[in-house]
Amino acid sequence: MAARQNRIIYRFLLLGCIVLLGACSGQKKAGTAGQESIPTYQVKASYGINVDDPKALVASADYTFVGIVKRETGTSYQNPIPLEQADGTTKKMGEAYTHYTVQVLANLKNKLATERAIKVTKQGGIREDHSAYDVLAGDSLLKADQAYVFNTYAQADGTLLVSGKNSTVPIKDKPVDAIADSSVVKTYQAAVGTLSAKELEAKQKASDDAQNSQ
């Protein structure tokens, strides 16, 4: 899957994190049974837009929508490079991408199917040797049964990519049956409302193509 990220540019610095399996500062991440002891490392990233600005995020994204994570479906690895291990040997390891199925609850920018779950991929995840999780700084992996605002990019295989800070914003202030009243949702609705018809039209073809390919 070739990651299409538009004007957001990420630098996933695996080398700095994986060499000696402890070069990055990180913290333990709570998880399901068997995962509590696996550390999570925050990986440095650089962006071509202001990811703290909802207007910039929705302008760059192909789709902005409210969705709930149904389940995690696996992890894939891309761009393997040889990395030095603590014992002096080298081992090829790639960037982790974690896959999910997501139910769209409300479309905010462009239209995705709401009658069936769609495929969403998050950059980051467990390393190939299962020694740690790597996520981009300010980001986190998704949780089942949690609702988020998604700022996503259409991929050639019909999936949607979310990557980096504020690519998925959890909705915690309202239950799922009242998400329309959530302050998070209102913030991103308002951001989409600031886009011009020309900006929306520029993303519409990508929206249609992704729907047709799934």
N, C-alpha and C. Protein backbone atom coordinates (compact mmCIF):
# COMPACT_ATOMS: atom_id res chain seq x y z
N MET A 1 0.84 -1.19 0.00
CA MET A 1 0.00 0.00 0.00
C MET A 1 0.87 1.23 0.00
N ALA A 2 0.81 2.02 -1.03
CA ALA A 2 1.59 3.24 -1.10
C ALA A 2 0.86 4.32 -0.32
N ALA A 3 1.49 4.85 0.72
CA ALA A 3 0.82 5.82 1.57
C ALA A 3 0.71 7.16 0.86
N ARG A 4 -0.53 7.62 0.68
CA ARG A 4 -0.78 8.92 0.06
C ARG A 4 -1.14 9.89 1.16
N GLN A 5 -0.34 10.94 1.35
CA GLN A 5 -0.51 11.77 2.52
C GLN A 5 -0.69 13.24 2.16
N ASN A 6 -0.87 13.58 0.86
CA ASN A 6 -1.10 14.95 0.44
C ASN A 6 -0.05 15.89 1.03
N ARG A 7 -0.50 16.97 1.66
CA ARG A 7 0.44 17.97 2.13
C ARG A 7 1.00 17.69 3.52
N ILE A 8 0.57 16.59 4.13
CA ILE A 8 1.18 16.21 5.40
C ILE A 8 2.38 15.31 5.09
N ILE A 9 3.52 15.68 5.61
CA ILE A 9 4.75 14.93 5.36
C ILE A 9 5.23 14.36 6.68
N TYR A 10 5.40 13.04 6.71
CA TYR A 10 5.82 12.38 7.93
C TYR A 10 7.22 11.81 7.76
N ARG A 11 7.99 11.88 8.82
CA ARG A 11 9.30 11.27 8.83
C ARG A 11 9.30 10.23 9.94
N PHE A 12 9.12 8.98 9.57
CA PHE A 12 9.02 7.89 10.56
C PHE A 12 10.43 7.40 10.82
N LEU A 13 11.05 7.87 11.91
CA LEU A 13 12.47 7.65 12.13
C LEU A 13 12.70 6.32 12.85
N LEU A 14 12.47 5.23 12.11
CA LEU A 14 12.63 3.90 12.71
C LEU A 14 14.06 3.66 13.18
N LEU A 15 15.02 4.13 12.40
CA LEU A 15 16.40 3.85 12.74
C LEU A 15 16.73 4.33 14.14
N GLY A 16 16.34 5.56 14.44
CA GLY A 16 16.64 6.12 15.75
C GLY A 16 15.94 5.41 16.87
N CYS A 17 14.79 4.81 16.57
CA CYS A 17 14.02 4.17 17.64
C CYS A 17 14.39 2.72 17.85
N ILE A 18 14.75 2.02 16.78
CA ILE A 18 14.92 0.58 16.91
C ILE A 18 16.36 0.19 17.23
N VAL A 19 17.32 1.00 16.77
CA VAL A 19 18.71 0.67 17.09
C VAL A 19 18.87 0.57 18.61
N LEU A 20 19.41 -0.53 19.06
CA LEU A 20 19.61 -0.84 20.46
C LEU A 20 18.30 -0.96 21.22
N LEU A 21 17.17 -0.94 20.49
CA LEU A 21 15.85 -1.15 21.10
C LEU A 21 15.61 -0.25 22.30
N GLY A 22 16.04 0.99 22.20
CA GLY A 22 15.76 1.87 23.33
C GLY A 22 16.29 3.26 23.12
N ALA A 23 16.50 3.64 21.89
CA ALA A 23 17.08 4.95 21.64
C ALA A 23 16.08 6.07 21.82
N CYS A 24 14.78 5.76 21.68
CA CYS A 24 13.75 6.79 21.84
C CYS A 24 13.21 6.77 23.26
N SER A 25 12.85 7.95 23.75
CA SER A 25 12.16 7.99 25.03
C SER A 25 10.74 7.53 24.83
N GLY A 26 10.18 6.80 25.79
CA GLY A 26 8.82 6.31 25.62
C GLY A 26 8.23 5.98 26.98
N GLN A 27 7.02 5.46 26.95
CA GLN A 27 6.37 5.09 28.18
C GLN A 27 5.58 3.81 27.97
N LYS A 28 5.28 3.12 29.05
CA LYS A 28 4.47 1.92 28.98
C LYS A 28 3.06 2.28 28.55
N LYS A 29 2.48 1.44 27.76
CA LYS A 29 1.13 1.68 27.28
C LYS A 29 0.21 0.58 27.78
N ALA A 30 -0.88 0.98 28.40
CA ALA A 30 -1.85 -0.01 28.86
C ALA A 30 -2.50 -0.66 27.66
N GLY A 31 -2.77 -1.96 27.76
CA GLY A 31 -3.36 -2.66 26.64
C GLY A 31 -4.15 -3.86 27.12
N THR A 32 -4.45 -4.74 26.21
CA THR A 32 -5.17 -5.94 26.57
C THR A 32 -4.21 -6.94 27.20
N ALA A 33 -4.75 -8.04 27.67
CA ALA A 33 -3.93 -9.05 28.34
C ALA A 33 -2.77 -9.47 27.46
N GLY A 34 -1.57 -9.46 28.01
CA GLY A 34 -0.39 -9.85 27.25
C GLY A 34 0.33 -8.69 26.61
N GLN A 35 -0.29 -7.49 26.63
CA GLN A 35 0.33 -6.33 26.00
C GLN A 35 0.82 -5.30 27.02
N GLU A 36 0.45 -5.46 28.29
CA GLU A 36 0.76 -4.44 29.29
C GLU A 36 2.25 -4.20 29.44
N SER A 37 3.06 -5.23 29.20
CA SER A 37 4.50 -5.09 29.42
C SER A 37 5.25 -4.60 28.19
N ILE A 38 4.55 -4.38 27.08
CA ILE A 38 5.20 -3.92 25.85
C ILE A 38 5.24 -2.40 25.84
N PRO A 39 6.43 -1.79 25.75
CA PRO A 39 6.51 -0.32 25.78
C PRO A 39 6.06 0.30 24.46
N THR A 40 5.66 1.55 24.54
CA THR A 40 5.31 2.33 23.36
C THR A 40 6.27 3.50 23.24
N TYR A 41 6.80 3.72 22.03
CA TYR A 41 7.72 4.81 21.80
C TYR A 41 7.10 5.84 20.87
N GLN A 42 7.23 7.11 21.25
CA GLN A 42 6.77 8.23 20.43
C GLN A 42 7.88 8.56 19.42
N VAL A 43 7.53 8.52 18.15
CA VAL A 43 8.51 8.72 17.08
C VAL A 43 8.37 10.12 16.50
N LYS A 44 9.48 10.80 16.32
CA LYS A 44 9.46 12.17 15.82
C LYS A 44 8.82 12.23 14.42
N ALA A 45 8.10 13.31 14.19
CA ALA A 45 7.45 13.50 12.89
C ALA A 45 7.50 14.97 12.52
N SER A 46 7.55 15.25 11.23
CA SER A 46 7.44 16.63 10.75
C SER A 46 6.27 16.71 9.78
N TYR A 47 5.61 17.85 9.74
CA TYR A 47 4.37 18.00 8.97
C TYR A 47 4.45 19.20 8.05
N GLY A 48 3.76 19.08 6.93
CA GLY A 48 3.71 20.17 5.96
C GLY A 48 2.58 21.14 6.23
N ILE A 49 1.73 20.84 7.23
CA ILE A 49 0.65 21.73 7.62
C ILE A 49 0.63 21.83 9.14
N ASN A 50 -0.18 22.73 9.65
CA ASN A 50 -0.34 22.87 11.09
C ASN A 50 -1.39 21.87 11.57
N VAL A 51 -0.95 20.76 12.13
CA VAL A 51 -1.87 19.70 12.52
C VAL A 51 -2.64 20.02 13.79
N ASP A 52 -2.33 21.14 14.42
CA ASP A 52 -3.11 21.60 15.56
C ASP A 52 -4.26 22.51 15.13
N ASP A 53 -4.36 22.78 13.84
CA ASP A 53 -5.41 23.65 13.29
C ASP A 53 -6.44 22.78 12.56
N PRO A 54 -7.66 22.62 13.10
CA PRO A 54 -8.67 21.80 12.42
C PRO A 54 -8.95 22.24 10.99
N LYS A 55 -8.89 23.54 10.71
CA LYS A 55 -9.14 24.02 9.35
C LYS A 55 -8.08 23.49 8.38
N ALA A 56 -6.83 23.50 8.81
CA ALA A 56 -5.75 23.00 7.96
C ALA A 56 -5.88 21.50 7.75
N LEU A 57 -6.27 20.79 8.80
CA LEU A 57 -6.42 19.34 8.69
C LEU A 57 -7.52 18.95 7.72
N VAL A 58 -8.69 19.56 7.85
CA VAL A 58 -9.80 19.16 6.98
C VAL A 58 -9.58 19.63 5.55
N ALA A 59 -8.86 20.72 5.36
CA ALA A 59 -8.54 21.17 4.00
C ALA A 59 -7.63 20.18 3.31
N SER A 60 -6.72 19.58 4.05
CA SER A 60 -5.76 18.64 3.48
C SER A 60 -6.37 17.26 3.27
N ALA A 61 -7.26 16.85 4.16
CA ALA A 61 -7.80 15.48 4.14
C ALA A 61 -8.72 15.25 2.94
N ASP A 62 -8.77 14.00 2.48
CA ASP A 62 -9.76 13.61 1.48
C ASP A 62 -11.13 13.45 2.11
N TYR A 63 -11.16 12.92 3.33
CA TYR A 63 -12.42 12.72 4.05
C TYR A 63 -12.24 13.13 5.49
N THR A 64 -13.25 13.76 6.03
CA THR A 64 -13.36 13.93 7.47
C THR A 64 -14.71 13.35 7.87
N PHE A 65 -14.69 12.45 8.85
CA PHE A 65 -15.94 11.82 9.25
C PHE A 65 -15.87 11.39 10.71
N VAL A 66 -17.04 11.13 11.26
CA VAL A 66 -17.14 10.56 12.60
C VAL A 66 -17.35 9.07 12.45
N GLY A 67 -16.57 8.28 13.16
CA GLY A 67 -16.70 6.83 13.06
C GLY A 67 -16.38 6.16 14.37
N ILE A 68 -16.81 4.92 14.48
CA ILE A 68 -16.51 4.11 15.66
C ILE A 68 -15.72 2.88 15.22
N VAL A 69 -14.65 2.59 15.94
CA VAL A 69 -13.78 1.45 15.60
C VAL A 69 -14.48 0.16 15.99
N LYS A 70 -14.61 -0.74 15.02
CA LYS A 70 -15.22 -2.04 15.29
C LYS A 70 -14.19 -3.03 15.81
N ARG A 71 -13.07 -3.13 15.09
CA ARG A 71 -12.03 -4.05 15.55
C ARG A 71 -10.72 -3.79 14.82
N GLU A 72 -9.63 -4.24 15.42
CA GLU A 72 -8.31 -4.24 14.77
C GLU A 72 -8.19 -5.53 13.98
N THR A 73 -7.67 -5.44 12.75
CA THR A 73 -7.63 -6.63 11.89
C THR A 73 -6.22 -7.11 11.58
N GLY A 74 -5.19 -6.43 12.06
CA GLY A 74 -3.83 -6.90 11.81
C GLY A 74 -2.85 -5.76 11.59
N THR A 75 -1.60 -6.12 11.34
CA THR A 75 -0.52 -5.16 11.13
C THR A 75 0.29 -5.58 9.92
N SER A 76 0.64 -4.61 9.09
CA SER A 76 1.53 -4.87 7.95
C SER A 76 2.76 -3.98 8.08
N TYR A 77 3.79 -4.30 7.28
CA TYR A 77 5.07 -3.60 7.41
C TYR A 77 5.55 -3.18 6.03
N GLN A 78 6.07 -1.95 5.95
CA GLN A 78 6.52 -1.40 4.68
C GLN A 78 7.93 -0.82 4.83
N ASN A 79 8.58 -0.66 3.68
CA ASN A 79 9.89 0.01 3.60
C ASN A 79 10.92 -0.59 4.56
N PRO A 80 11.17 -1.91 4.51
CA PRO A 80 12.14 -2.51 5.43
C PRO A 80 13.55 -2.01 5.18
N ILE A 81 14.25 -1.75 6.26
CA ILE A 81 15.65 -1.33 6.17
C ILE A 81 16.46 -2.13 7.18
N PRO A 82 17.77 -2.38 6.90
CA PRO A 82 18.60 -3.10 7.86
C PRO A 82 18.93 -2.23 9.06
N LEU A 83 18.68 -2.74 10.25
CA LEU A 83 18.92 -1.98 11.47
C LEU A 83 19.82 -2.76 12.41
N GLU A 84 20.72 -2.03 13.03
CA GLU A 84 21.65 -2.67 13.95
C GLU A 84 20.95 -3.00 15.27
N GLN A 85 21.17 -4.20 15.77
CA GLN A 85 20.59 -4.62 17.03
C GLN A 85 21.59 -4.44 18.16
N ALA A 86 21.12 -4.65 19.38
CA ALA A 86 21.97 -4.45 20.56
C ALA A 86 23.19 -5.38 20.56
N ASP A 87 23.04 -6.56 19.94
CA ASP A 87 24.16 -7.51 19.94
C ASP A 87 25.10 -7.32 18.76
N GLY A 88 24.89 -6.24 17.98
CA GLY A 88 25.77 -5.94 16.86
C GLY A 88 25.34 -6.52 15.53
N THR A 89 24.35 -7.39 15.55
CA THR A 89 23.84 -7.95 14.30
C THR A 89 22.88 -6.95 13.65
N THR A 90 22.53 -7.22 12.40
CA THR A 90 21.56 -6.38 11.72
C THR A 90 20.32 -7.21 11.38
N LYS A 91 19.20 -6.53 11.34
CA LYS A 91 17.95 -7.18 11.04
C LYS A 91 17.06 -6.22 10.28
N LYS A 92 16.40 -6.70 9.23
CA LYS A 92 15.52 -5.84 8.47
C LYS A 92 14.18 -5.69 9.20
N MET A 93 13.78 -4.44 9.36
CA MET A 93 12.50 -4.16 9.98
C MET A 93 11.84 -3.01 9.23
N GLY A 94 10.53 -3.06 9.13
CA GLY A 94 9.80 -2.05 8.38
C GLY A 94 8.91 -1.21 9.27
N GLU A 95 8.33 -0.18 8.67
CA GLU A 95 7.38 0.67 9.37
C GLU A 95 6.08 -0.11 9.58
N ALA A 96 5.52 0.00 10.76
CA ALA A 96 4.27 -0.70 11.07
C ALA A 96 3.06 0.12 10.65
N TYR A 97 2.07 -0.56 10.10
CA TYR A 97 0.76 0.03 9.78
C TYR A 97 -0.31 -0.89 10.36
N THR A 98 -1.17 -0.35 11.23
CA THR A 98 -2.19 -1.14 11.90
C THR A 98 -3.53 -0.95 11.20
N HIS A 99 -4.22 -2.05 10.96
CA HIS A 99 -5.45 -2.03 10.17
C HIS A 99 -6.68 -2.22 11.06
N TYR A 100 -7.75 -1.51 10.69
CA TYR A 100 -8.99 -1.54 11.47
C TYR A 100 -10.19 -1.57 10.53
N THR A 101 -11.31 -2.06 11.06
CA THR A 101 -12.59 -1.81 10.42
C THR A 101 -13.32 -0.76 11.24
N VAL A 102 -13.95 0.18 10.53
CA VAL A 102 -14.58 1.33 11.17
C VAL A 102 -15.97 1.53 10.59
N GLN A 103 -16.93 1.79 11.45
CA GLN A 103 -18.28 2.13 11.02
C GLN A 103 -18.42 3.65 10.96
N VAL A 104 -18.74 4.18 9.79
CA VAL A 104 -18.94 5.62 9.65
C VAL A 104 -20.29 5.99 10.25
N LEU A 105 -20.27 6.94 11.18
CA LEU A 105 -21.49 7.39 11.83
C LEU A 105 -22.03 8.68 11.21
N ALA A 106 -21.12 9.54 10.75
CA ALA A 106 -21.54 10.81 10.14
C ALA A 106 -20.44 11.33 9.24
N ASN A 107 -20.78 11.67 8.01
CA ASN A 107 -19.83 12.27 7.08
C ASN A 107 -19.78 13.78 7.30
N LEU A 108 -18.57 14.30 7.44
CA LEU A 108 -18.39 15.74 7.58
C LEU A 108 -17.84 16.37 6.30
N LYS A 109 -16.88 15.72 5.68
CA LYS A 109 -16.33 16.18 4.40
C LYS A 109 -16.27 15.00 3.43
N ASN A 110 -16.95 15.11 2.32
CA ASN A 110 -17.08 14.04 1.33
C ASN A 110 -17.83 12.85 1.93
N LYS A 111 -18.26 11.96 1.08
CA LYS A 111 -19.20 10.92 1.50
C LYS A 111 -18.57 9.53 1.45
N LEU A 112 -18.72 8.81 2.54
CA LEU A 112 -18.34 7.41 2.64
C LEU A 112 -19.56 6.60 3.02
N ALA A 113 -19.53 5.31 2.70
CA ALA A 113 -20.66 4.44 3.01
C ALA A 113 -20.89 4.37 4.51
N THR A 114 -22.14 4.43 4.91
CA THR A 114 -22.49 4.31 6.33
C THR A 114 -23.19 2.99 6.64
N GLU A 115 -23.55 2.24 5.59
CA GLU A 115 -24.30 1.01 5.81
C GLU A 115 -23.40 -0.20 6.05
N ARG A 116 -22.10 -0.03 5.91
CA ARG A 116 -21.17 -1.14 6.13
C ARG A 116 -19.85 -0.59 6.67
N ALA A 117 -19.09 -1.45 7.32
CA ALA A 117 -17.80 -1.03 7.85
C ALA A 117 -16.80 -0.81 6.72
N ILE A 118 -15.89 0.12 6.91
CA ILE A 118 -14.85 0.40 5.92
C ILE A 118 -13.49 0.08 6.52
N LYS A 119 -12.47 0.04 5.66
CA LYS A 119 -11.12 -0.27 6.10
C LYS A 119 -10.34 1.03 6.32
N VAL A 120 -9.71 1.12 7.49
CA VAL A 120 -8.89 2.27 7.84
C VAL A 120 -7.54 1.76 8.34
N THR A 121 -6.47 2.41 7.90
CA THR A 121 -5.12 2.03 8.31
C THR A 121 -4.47 3.18 9.05
N LYS A 122 -3.87 2.88 10.19
CA LYS A 122 -3.17 3.86 11.00
C LYS A 122 -1.67 3.62 10.91
N GLN A 123 -0.89 4.67 10.56
CA GLN A 123 0.56 4.52 10.57
C GLN A 123 1.03 4.39 12.01
N GLY A 124 1.79 3.31 12.26
CA GLY A 124 2.24 3.00 13.61
C GLY A 124 1.71 1.63 14.03
N GLY A 125 2.33 1.08 15.05
CA GLY A 125 1.89 -0.22 15.53
C GLY A 125 3.02 -1.02 16.15
N ILE A 126 2.76 -2.29 16.34
CA ILE A 126 3.76 -3.13 16.98
C ILE A 126 4.88 -3.49 16.00
N ARG A 127 6.09 -3.50 16.48
CA ARG A 127 7.24 -3.83 15.64
C ARG A 127 7.18 -5.28 15.19
N GLU A 128 7.90 -5.56 14.13
CA GLU A 128 7.87 -6.92 13.58
C GLU A 128 8.36 -7.96 14.59
N ASP A 129 9.26 -7.57 15.48
CA ASP A 129 9.75 -8.52 16.49
C ASP A 129 8.92 -8.46 17.78
N HIS A 130 7.85 -7.66 17.76
CA HIS A 130 6.92 -7.55 18.90
C HIS A 130 7.60 -7.04 20.17
N SER A 131 8.69 -6.30 20.02
CA SER A 131 9.42 -5.81 21.19
C SER A 131 8.84 -4.51 21.73
N ALA A 132 8.12 -3.74 20.88
CA ALA A 132 7.60 -2.44 21.29
C ALA A 132 6.59 -1.96 20.26
N TYR A 133 5.83 -0.95 20.66
CA TYR A 133 4.96 -0.24 19.73
C TYR A 133 5.64 1.07 19.35
N ASP A 134 5.53 1.46 18.07
CA ASP A 134 5.99 2.76 17.61
C ASP A 134 4.79 3.54 17.09
N VAL A 135 4.61 4.77 17.59
CA VAL A 135 3.56 5.66 17.08
C VAL A 135 4.18 7.03 16.87
N LEU A 136 3.64 7.77 15.92
CA LEU A 136 4.14 9.11 15.67
C LEU A 136 3.82 10.01 16.86
N ALA A 137 4.72 10.94 17.14
CA ALA A 137 4.57 11.81 18.31
C ALA A 137 3.22 12.52 18.30
N GLY A 138 2.55 12.47 19.43
CA GLY A 138 1.25 13.11 19.56
C GLY A 138 0.09 12.26 19.08
N ASP A 139 0.38 11.09 18.53
CA ASP A 139 -0.65 10.20 18.00
C ASP A 139 -0.79 8.99 18.92
N SER A 140 -1.79 8.17 18.67
CA SER A 140 -1.96 6.92 19.41
C SER A 140 -2.72 5.95 18.54
N LEU A 141 -2.59 4.66 18.84
CA LEU A 141 -3.35 3.65 18.13
C LEU A 141 -4.82 3.73 18.52
N LEU A 142 -5.67 3.15 17.69
CA LEU A 142 -7.10 3.23 17.92
C LEU A 142 -7.59 2.13 18.86
N LYS A 143 -8.71 2.40 19.52
CA LYS A 143 -9.29 1.45 20.45
C LYS A 143 -10.65 1.00 19.95
N ALA A 144 -10.92 -0.29 20.07
CA ALA A 144 -12.23 -0.82 19.68
C ALA A 144 -13.33 -0.19 20.51
N ASP A 145 -14.46 0.07 19.85
CA ASP A 145 -15.66 0.65 20.48
C ASP A 145 -15.49 2.12 20.86
N GLN A 146 -14.40 2.75 20.45
CA GLN A 146 -14.20 4.17 20.69
C GLN A 146 -14.58 4.95 19.43
N ALA A 147 -15.29 6.06 19.61
CA ALA A 147 -15.64 6.94 18.49
C ALA A 147 -14.58 8.02 18.33
N TYR A 148 -14.31 8.39 17.07
CA TYR A 148 -13.31 9.40 16.75
C TYR A 148 -13.82 10.27 15.61
N VAL A 149 -13.22 11.47 15.49
CA VAL A 149 -13.26 12.20 14.23
C VAL A 149 -12.02 11.79 13.46
N PHE A 150 -12.22 11.31 12.23
CA PHE A 150 -11.13 10.83 11.38
C PHE A 150 -10.83 11.86 10.30
N ASN A 151 -9.56 12.20 10.13
CA ASN A 151 -9.08 13.01 9.01
C ASN A 151 -8.21 12.09 8.15
N THR A 152 -8.72 11.67 7.01
CA THR A 152 -8.14 10.53 6.31
C THR A 152 -7.74 10.86 4.88
N TYR A 153 -6.90 9.98 4.32
CA TYR A 153 -6.41 10.10 2.94
C TYR A 153 -6.70 8.82 2.17
N ALA A 154 -7.25 8.97 0.99
CA ALA A 154 -7.62 7.82 0.16
C ALA A 154 -6.36 7.15 -0.38
N GLN A 155 -6.34 5.82 -0.33
CA GLN A 155 -5.23 5.02 -0.83
C GLN A 155 -5.63 4.30 -2.12
N ALA A 156 -4.63 3.90 -2.88
CA ALA A 156 -4.89 3.27 -4.18
C ALA A 156 -5.66 1.96 -4.05
N ASP A 157 -5.52 1.28 -2.89
CA ASP A 157 -6.21 0.00 -2.71
C ASP A 157 -7.61 0.16 -2.13
N GLY A 158 -8.08 1.39 -2.00
CA GLY A 158 -9.43 1.63 -1.50
C GLY A 158 -9.52 1.83 0.00
N THR A 159 -8.42 1.63 0.72
CA THR A 159 -8.42 1.89 2.15
C THR A 159 -8.18 3.37 2.42
N LEU A 160 -8.31 3.73 3.66
CA LEU A 160 -8.08 5.10 4.08
C LEU A 160 -6.94 5.12 5.09
N LEU A 161 -6.05 6.08 4.93
CA LEU A 161 -4.89 6.22 5.81
C LEU A 161 -5.12 7.34 6.81
N VAL A 162 -4.82 7.07 8.09
CA VAL A 162 -4.76 8.10 9.11
C VAL A 162 -3.37 8.05 9.72
N SER A 163 -2.75 9.20 9.88
CA SER A 163 -1.34 9.19 10.26
C SER A 163 -0.96 10.49 10.92
N GLY A 164 -0.49 10.40 12.16
CA GLY A 164 0.04 11.56 12.84
C GLY A 164 -0.93 12.23 13.79
N LYS A 165 -0.44 13.26 14.44
CA LYS A 165 -1.20 13.98 15.45
C LYS A 165 -2.52 14.52 14.89
N ASN A 166 -3.59 14.28 15.61
CA ASN A 166 -4.94 14.75 15.28
C ASN A 166 -5.51 14.16 13.99
N SER A 167 -4.90 13.09 13.51
CA SER A 167 -5.52 12.38 12.38
C SER A 167 -6.76 11.64 12.85
N THR A 168 -6.76 11.24 14.12
CA THR A 168 -7.94 10.65 14.75
C THR A 168 -8.11 11.31 16.11
N VAL A 169 -9.23 11.97 16.31
CA VAL A 169 -9.47 12.72 17.54
C VAL A 169 -10.57 12.03 18.33
N PRO A 170 -10.27 11.48 19.50
CA PRO A 170 -11.29 10.73 20.25
C PRO A 170 -12.43 11.62 20.72
N ILE A 171 -13.63 11.06 20.71
CA ILE A 171 -14.82 11.76 21.19
C ILE A 171 -15.14 11.18 22.57
N LYS A 172 -14.86 11.94 23.58
CA LYS A 172 -15.02 11.45 24.95
C LYS A 172 -16.07 12.21 25.74
N ASP A 173 -16.53 13.34 25.20
CA ASP A 173 -17.44 14.17 25.99
C ASP A 173 -18.90 13.81 25.82
N LYS A 174 -19.22 12.90 24.88
CA LYS A 174 -20.60 12.50 24.66
C LYS A 174 -20.66 11.00 24.34
N PRO A 175 -21.73 10.32 24.71
CA PRO A 175 -21.89 8.93 24.27
C PRO A 175 -22.15 8.87 22.78
N VAL A 176 -22.00 7.68 22.20
CA VAL A 176 -22.12 7.52 20.75
C VAL A 176 -23.48 7.99 20.24
N ASP A 177 -24.52 7.79 21.01
CA ASP A 177 -25.85 8.17 20.54
C ASP A 177 -26.12 9.67 20.65
N ALA A 178 -25.11 10.44 21.10
CA ALA A 178 -25.26 11.89 21.18
C ALA A 178 -24.06 12.62 20.60
N ILE A 179 -23.40 11.99 19.62
CA ILE A 179 -22.16 12.58 19.10
C ILE A 179 -22.37 13.90 18.40
N ALA A 180 -23.58 14.14 17.88
CA ALA A 180 -23.82 15.40 17.17
C ALA A 180 -23.63 16.60 18.10
N ASP A 181 -23.78 16.36 19.39
CA ASP A 181 -23.62 17.44 20.38
C ASP A 181 -22.21 17.52 20.95
N SER A 182 -21.31 16.66 20.47
CA SER A 182 -19.95 16.66 20.98
C SER A 182 -19.21 17.93 20.55
N SER A 183 -18.42 18.48 21.48
CA SER A 183 -17.64 19.67 21.15
C SER A 183 -16.60 19.36 20.08
N VAL A 184 -16.05 18.14 20.11
CA VAL A 184 -15.07 17.75 19.09
C VAL A 184 -15.70 17.73 17.71
N VAL A 185 -16.87 17.10 17.60
CA VAL A 185 -17.56 17.03 16.32
C VAL A 185 -17.93 18.43 15.83
N LYS A 186 -18.42 19.27 16.72
CA LYS A 186 -18.79 20.64 16.33
C LYS A 186 -17.59 21.42 15.82
N THR A 187 -16.43 21.20 16.45
CA THR A 187 -15.21 21.89 16.00
C THR A 187 -14.87 21.52 14.57
N TYR A 188 -14.94 20.23 14.24
CA TYR A 188 -14.57 19.79 12.89
C TYR A 188 -15.68 20.08 11.88
N GLN A 189 -16.92 20.08 12.30
CA GLN A 189 -18.00 20.53 11.42
C GLN A 189 -17.79 21.97 11.01
N ALA A 190 -17.45 22.80 12.00
CA ALA A 190 -17.22 24.21 11.72
C ALA A 190 -16.01 24.40 10.80
N ALA A 191 -14.98 23.59 11.00
CA ALA A 191 -13.79 23.69 10.15
C ALA A 191 -14.12 23.35 8.70
N VAL A 192 -14.91 22.29 8.50
CA VAL A 192 -15.33 21.93 7.14
C VAL A 192 -16.16 23.06 6.54
N GLY A 193 -16.97 23.71 7.36
CA GLY A 193 -17.80 24.80 6.88
C GLY A 193 -17.04 26.00 6.37
N THR A 194 -15.77 26.11 6.73
CA THR A 194 -14.96 27.23 6.26
C THR A 194 -14.36 26.98 4.88
N LEU A 195 -14.44 25.75 4.38
CA LEU A 195 -13.85 25.43 3.08
C LEU A 195 -14.71 25.99 1.95
N SER A 196 -14.04 26.42 0.92
CA SER A 196 -14.75 26.95 -0.24
C SER A 196 -15.27 25.81 -1.10
N ALA A 197 -16.22 26.12 -1.97
CA ALA A 197 -16.75 25.11 -2.89
C ALA A 197 -15.64 24.55 -3.76
N LYS A 198 -14.68 25.38 -4.12
CA LYS A 198 -13.57 24.93 -4.97
C LYS A 198 -12.71 23.93 -4.22
N GLU A 199 -12.44 24.17 -2.94
CA GLU A 199 -11.63 23.24 -2.15
C GLU A 199 -12.34 21.90 -1.99
N LEU A 200 -13.64 21.95 -1.76
CA LEU A 200 -14.40 20.71 -1.61
C LEU A 200 -14.45 19.93 -2.92
N GLU A 201 -14.62 20.64 -4.03
CA GLU A 201 -14.69 19.99 -5.33
C GLU A 201 -13.38 19.31 -5.67
N ALA A 202 -12.26 19.92 -5.25
CA ALA A 202 -10.94 19.35 -5.55
C ALA A 202 -10.75 17.98 -4.91
N LYS A 203 -11.46 17.71 -3.81
CA LYS A 203 -11.35 16.43 -3.12
C LYS A 203 -12.43 15.43 -3.54
N GLN A 204 -13.44 15.88 -4.28
CA GLN A 204 -14.58 15.03 -4.55
C GLN A 204 -14.22 13.81 -5.40
N LYS A 205 -13.33 13.99 -6.38
CA LYS A 205 -12.96 12.86 -7.24
C LYS A 205 -12.28 11.77 -6.42
N ALA A 206 -11.41 12.15 -5.49
CA ALA A 206 -10.77 11.15 -4.64
C ALA A 206 -11.80 10.42 -3.81
N SER A 207 -12.81 11.15 -3.35
CA SER A 207 -13.89 10.53 -2.59
C SER A 207 -14.62 9.49 -3.39
N ASP A 208 -15.00 9.83 -4.62
CA ASP A 208 -15.72 8.90 -5.48
C ASP A 208 -14.87 7.68 -5.82
N ASP A 209 -13.60 7.90 -6.14
CA ASP A 209 -12.72 6.80 -6.51
C ASP A 209 -12.57 5.80 -5.37
N ALA A 210 -12.41 6.31 -4.14
CA ALA A 210 -12.23 5.41 -3.00
C ALA A 210 -13.49 4.61 -2.72
N GLN A 211 -14.65 5.24 -2.86
CA GLN A 211 -15.89 4.51 -2.65
C GLN A 211 -16.04 3.38 -3.66
N ASN A 212 -15.71 3.67 -4.90
CA ASN A 212 -15.90 2.68 -5.96
C ASN A 212 -14.94 1.51 -5.86
N SER A 213 -13.77 1.72 -5.25
CA SER A 213 -12.77 0.67 -5.20
C SER A 213 -12.92 -0.26 -4.01
N GLN A 214 -13.74 0.12 -3.04
CA GLN A 214 -13.90 -0.73 -1.85
C GLN A 214 -14.96 -1.81 -2.10
